[in-house]
Amino acid sequence: MGKYFVGSLCKNGLIGGGITAEEDAITYHTGKVTVPKEIRRLVMKYEDIEGLTLDRLLILPTVTVRMRGGGEYQFVVFGRNRFVSTLVEMGVKV
């Protein structure tokens, strides 16, 4: 069983959802049918994550996940410190 985090993807506004951290990947998921299918369940394997950037969007805590293939995904994550600690435990660099 993984750890669950409340988070929103920052893409053309905030897309509410959640992030689950499992043994081999984090997965962002949302039930919004108005977003593309590939974003509704976005799997990011730890080995494919190049690093993380911590920032803020206005007053909201954000984490940008940089992928080795060049993609970037910015999330507003509540419990950001716990989220980042979980990823660091899995070998992801900040």
C-alpha atoms as a PDB file:
ATOM      1  CA  MET A   1       0.000   0.000   0.000  1.00  0.00           C
ATOM      2  CA  GLY A   2       1.363   3.384  -0.988  1.00  0.00           C
ATOM      3  CA  LYS A   3       1.237   6.801   0.556  1.00  0.00           C
ATOM      4  CA  TYR A   4      -1.474   9.187  -0.627  1.00  0.00           C
ATOM      5  CA  PHE A   5      -1.117  12.955  -1.061  1.00  0.00           C
ATOM      6  CA  VAL A   6      -3.717  15.559  -1.961  1.00  0.00           C
ATOM      7  CA  GLY A   7      -2.427  17.445  -4.956  1.00  0.00           C
ATOM      8  CA  SER A   8      -3.381  19.369  -8.053  1.00  0.00           C
ATOM      9  CA  LEU A   9      -1.624  19.411 -11.403  1.00  0.00           C
ATOM     10  CA  CYS A  10      -0.813  22.927 -12.609  1.00  0.00           C
ATOM     11  CA  LYS A  11      -1.737  22.768 -16.293  1.00  0.00           C
ATOM     12  CA  ASN A  12      -3.991  25.453 -17.759  1.00  0.00           C
ATOM     13  CA  GLY A  13      -5.197  26.100 -14.224  1.00  0.00           C
ATOM     14  CA  LEU A  14      -5.295  23.713 -11.271  1.00  0.00           C
ATOM     15  CA  ILE A  15      -6.576  20.197 -11.928  1.00  0.00           C
ATOM     16  CA  GLY A  16      -7.565  18.672  -8.598  1.00  0.00           C
ATOM     17  CA  GLY A  17      -6.663  15.100  -7.835  1.00  0.00           C
ATOM     18  CA  GLY A  18      -4.307  13.004  -5.789  1.00  0.00           C
ATOM     19  CA  ILE A  19      -0.835  11.516  -5.911  1.00  0.00           C
ATOM     20  CA  THR A  20      -0.008   8.006  -4.776  1.00  0.00           C
ATOM     21  CA  ALA A  21       3.587   7.026  -4.006  1.00  0.00           C
ATOM     22  CA  GLU A  22       4.148   3.303  -4.572  1.00  0.00           C
ATOM     23  CA  GLU A  23       7.319   1.174  -4.565  1.00  0.00           C
ATOM     24  CA  ASP A  24       8.392   2.013  -8.124  1.00  0.00           C
ATOM     25  CA  ALA A  25       6.512   5.176  -9.132  1.00  0.00           C
ATOM     26  CA  ILE A  26       4.305   8.080  -8.188  1.00  0.00           C
ATOM     27  CA  THR A  27       0.945   8.315  -9.897  1.00  0.00           C
ATOM     28  CA  TYR A  28      -1.150  11.456 -10.259  1.00  0.00           C
ATOM     29  CA  HIS A  29      -4.821  10.702 -10.829  1.00  0.00           C
ATOM     30  CA  THR A  30      -7.920  12.785 -11.346  1.00  0.00           C
ATOM     31  CA  GLY A  31     -11.518  12.016 -12.172  1.00  0.00           C
ATOM     32  CA  LYS A  32     -11.928  15.069 -14.406  1.00  0.00           C
ATOM     33  CA  VAL A  33     -13.100  13.901 -17.823  1.00  0.00           C
ATOM     34  CA  THR A  34     -12.349  17.261 -19.450  1.00  0.00           C
ATOM     35  CA  VAL A  35      -8.566  16.678 -19.348  1.00  0.00           C
ATOM     36  CA  PRO A  36      -6.625  14.477 -21.796  1.00  0.00           C
ATOM     37  CA  LYS A  37      -6.526  10.753 -20.987  1.00  0.00           C
ATOM     38  CA  GLU A  38      -2.743  10.679 -20.569  1.00  0.00           C
ATOM     39  CA  ILE A  39      -3.018  13.212 -17.735  1.00  0.00           C
ATOM     40  CA  ARG A  40      -5.929  11.555 -15.904  1.00  0.00           C
ATOM     41  CA  ARG A  41      -3.589   8.807 -14.719  1.00  0.00           C
ATOM     42  CA  LEU A  42      -0.026  10.072 -14.991  1.00  0.00           C
ATOM     43  CA  VAL A  43       2.577   7.495 -13.907  1.00  0.00           C
ATOM     44  CA  MET A  44       6.101   8.764 -13.175  1.00  0.00           C
ATOM     45  CA  LYS A  45       8.620   6.012 -12.404  1.00  0.00           C
ATOM     46  CA  TYR A  46      11.313   7.006  -9.913  1.00  0.00           C
ATOM     47  CA  GLU A  47      14.047   5.916 -12.323  1.00  0.00           C
ATOM     48  CA  ASP A  48      12.671   8.352 -14.935  1.00  0.00           C
ATOM     49  CA  ILE A  49      12.590  11.343 -12.556  1.00  0.00           C
ATOM     50  CA  GLU A  50      15.617  13.592 -12.997  1.00  0.00           C
ATOM     51  CA  GLY A  51      14.888  15.820 -10.013  1.00  0.00           C
ATOM     52  CA  LEU A  52      12.505  18.049  -8.095  1.00  0.00           C
ATOM     53  CA  THR A  53      12.161  21.809  -7.748  1.00  0.00           C
ATOM     54  CA  LEU A  54      10.346  23.349  -4.778  1.00  0.00           C
ATOM     55  CA  ASP A  55       8.560  26.650  -5.272  1.00  0.00           C
ATOM     56  CA  ARG A  56       5.294  28.456  -4.583  1.00  0.00           C
ATOM     57  CA  LEU A  57       2.329  29.404  -6.736  1.00  0.00           C
ATOM     58  CA  LEU A  58       1.102  32.525  -4.987  1.00  0.00           C
ATOM     59  CA  ILE A  59       0.912  31.111  -1.448  1.00  0.00           C
ATOM     60  CA  LEU A  60       0.509  27.436  -2.410  1.00  0.00           C
ATOM     61  CA  PRO A  61       3.452  25.024  -2.035  1.00  0.00           C
ATOM     62  CA  THR A  62       4.490  23.496  -5.363  1.00  0.00           C
ATOM     63  CA  VAL A  63       6.762  20.688  -6.490  1.00  0.00           C
ATOM     64  CA  THR A  64       7.953  20.472 -10.097  1.00  0.00           C
ATOM     65  CA  VAL A  65       8.881  16.956 -11.171  1.00  0.00           C
ATOM     66  CA  ARG A  66      11.496  17.023 -13.954  1.00  0.00           C
ATOM     67  CA  MET A  67      11.591  13.896 -16.094  1.00  0.00           C
ATOM     68  CA  ARG A  68      14.699  12.537 -17.845  1.00  0.00           C
ATOM     69  CA  GLY A  69      12.847  12.668 -21.184  1.00  0.00           C
ATOM     70  CA  GLY A  70      12.488  16.434 -20.832  1.00  0.00           C
ATOM     71  CA  GLY A  71       8.935  16.711 -19.498  1.00  0.00           C
ATOM     72  CA  GLU A  72       8.037  18.708 -16.405  1.00  0.00           C
ATOM     73  CA  TYR A  73       4.942  18.475 -14.231  1.00  0.00           C
ATOM     74  CA  GLN A  74       4.163  21.069 -11.578  1.00  0.00           C
ATOM     75  CA  PHE A  75       1.926  20.091  -8.683  1.00  0.00           C
ATOM     76  CA  VAL A  76       0.439  21.912  -5.735  1.00  0.00           C
ATOM     77  CA  VAL A  77       0.948  19.373  -2.959  1.00  0.00           C
ATOM     78  CA  PHE A  78      -0.498  19.634   0.518  1.00  0.00           C
ATOM     79  CA  GLY A  79       1.958  17.954   2.880  1.00  0.00           C
ATOM     80  CA  ARG A  80       4.797  18.911   0.552  1.00  0.00           C
ATOM     81  CA  ASN A  81       7.573  18.122   3.044  1.00  0.00           C
ATOM     82  CA  ARG A  82       6.244  14.594   3.578  1.00  0.00           C
ATOM     83  CA  PHE A  83       5.845  14.169  -0.204  1.00  0.00           C
ATOM     84  CA  VAL A  84       9.429  15.279  -0.902  1.00  0.00           C
ATOM     85  CA  SER A  85      10.786  13.090   1.932  1.00  0.00           C
ATOM     86  CA  THR A  86       8.977  10.094   0.451  1.00  0.00           C
ATOM     87  CA  LEU A  87      10.525  10.715  -2.980  1.00  0.00           C
ATOM     88  CA  VAL A  88      14.007  11.248  -1.500  1.00  0.00           C
ATOM     89  CA  GLU A  89      13.641   7.888   0.307  1.00  0.00           C
ATOM     90  CA  MET A  90      13.032   6.364  -3.132  1.00  0.00           C
ATOM     91  CA  GLY A  91      16.229   7.888  -4.522  1.00  0.00           C
ATOM     92  CA  VAL A  92      14.863  10.999  -6.238  1.00  0.00           C
ATOM     93  CA  LYS A  93      17.165  14.048  -6.100  1.00  0.00           C
ATOM     94  CA  VAL A  94      15.962  17.463  -4.992  1.00  0.00           C
END
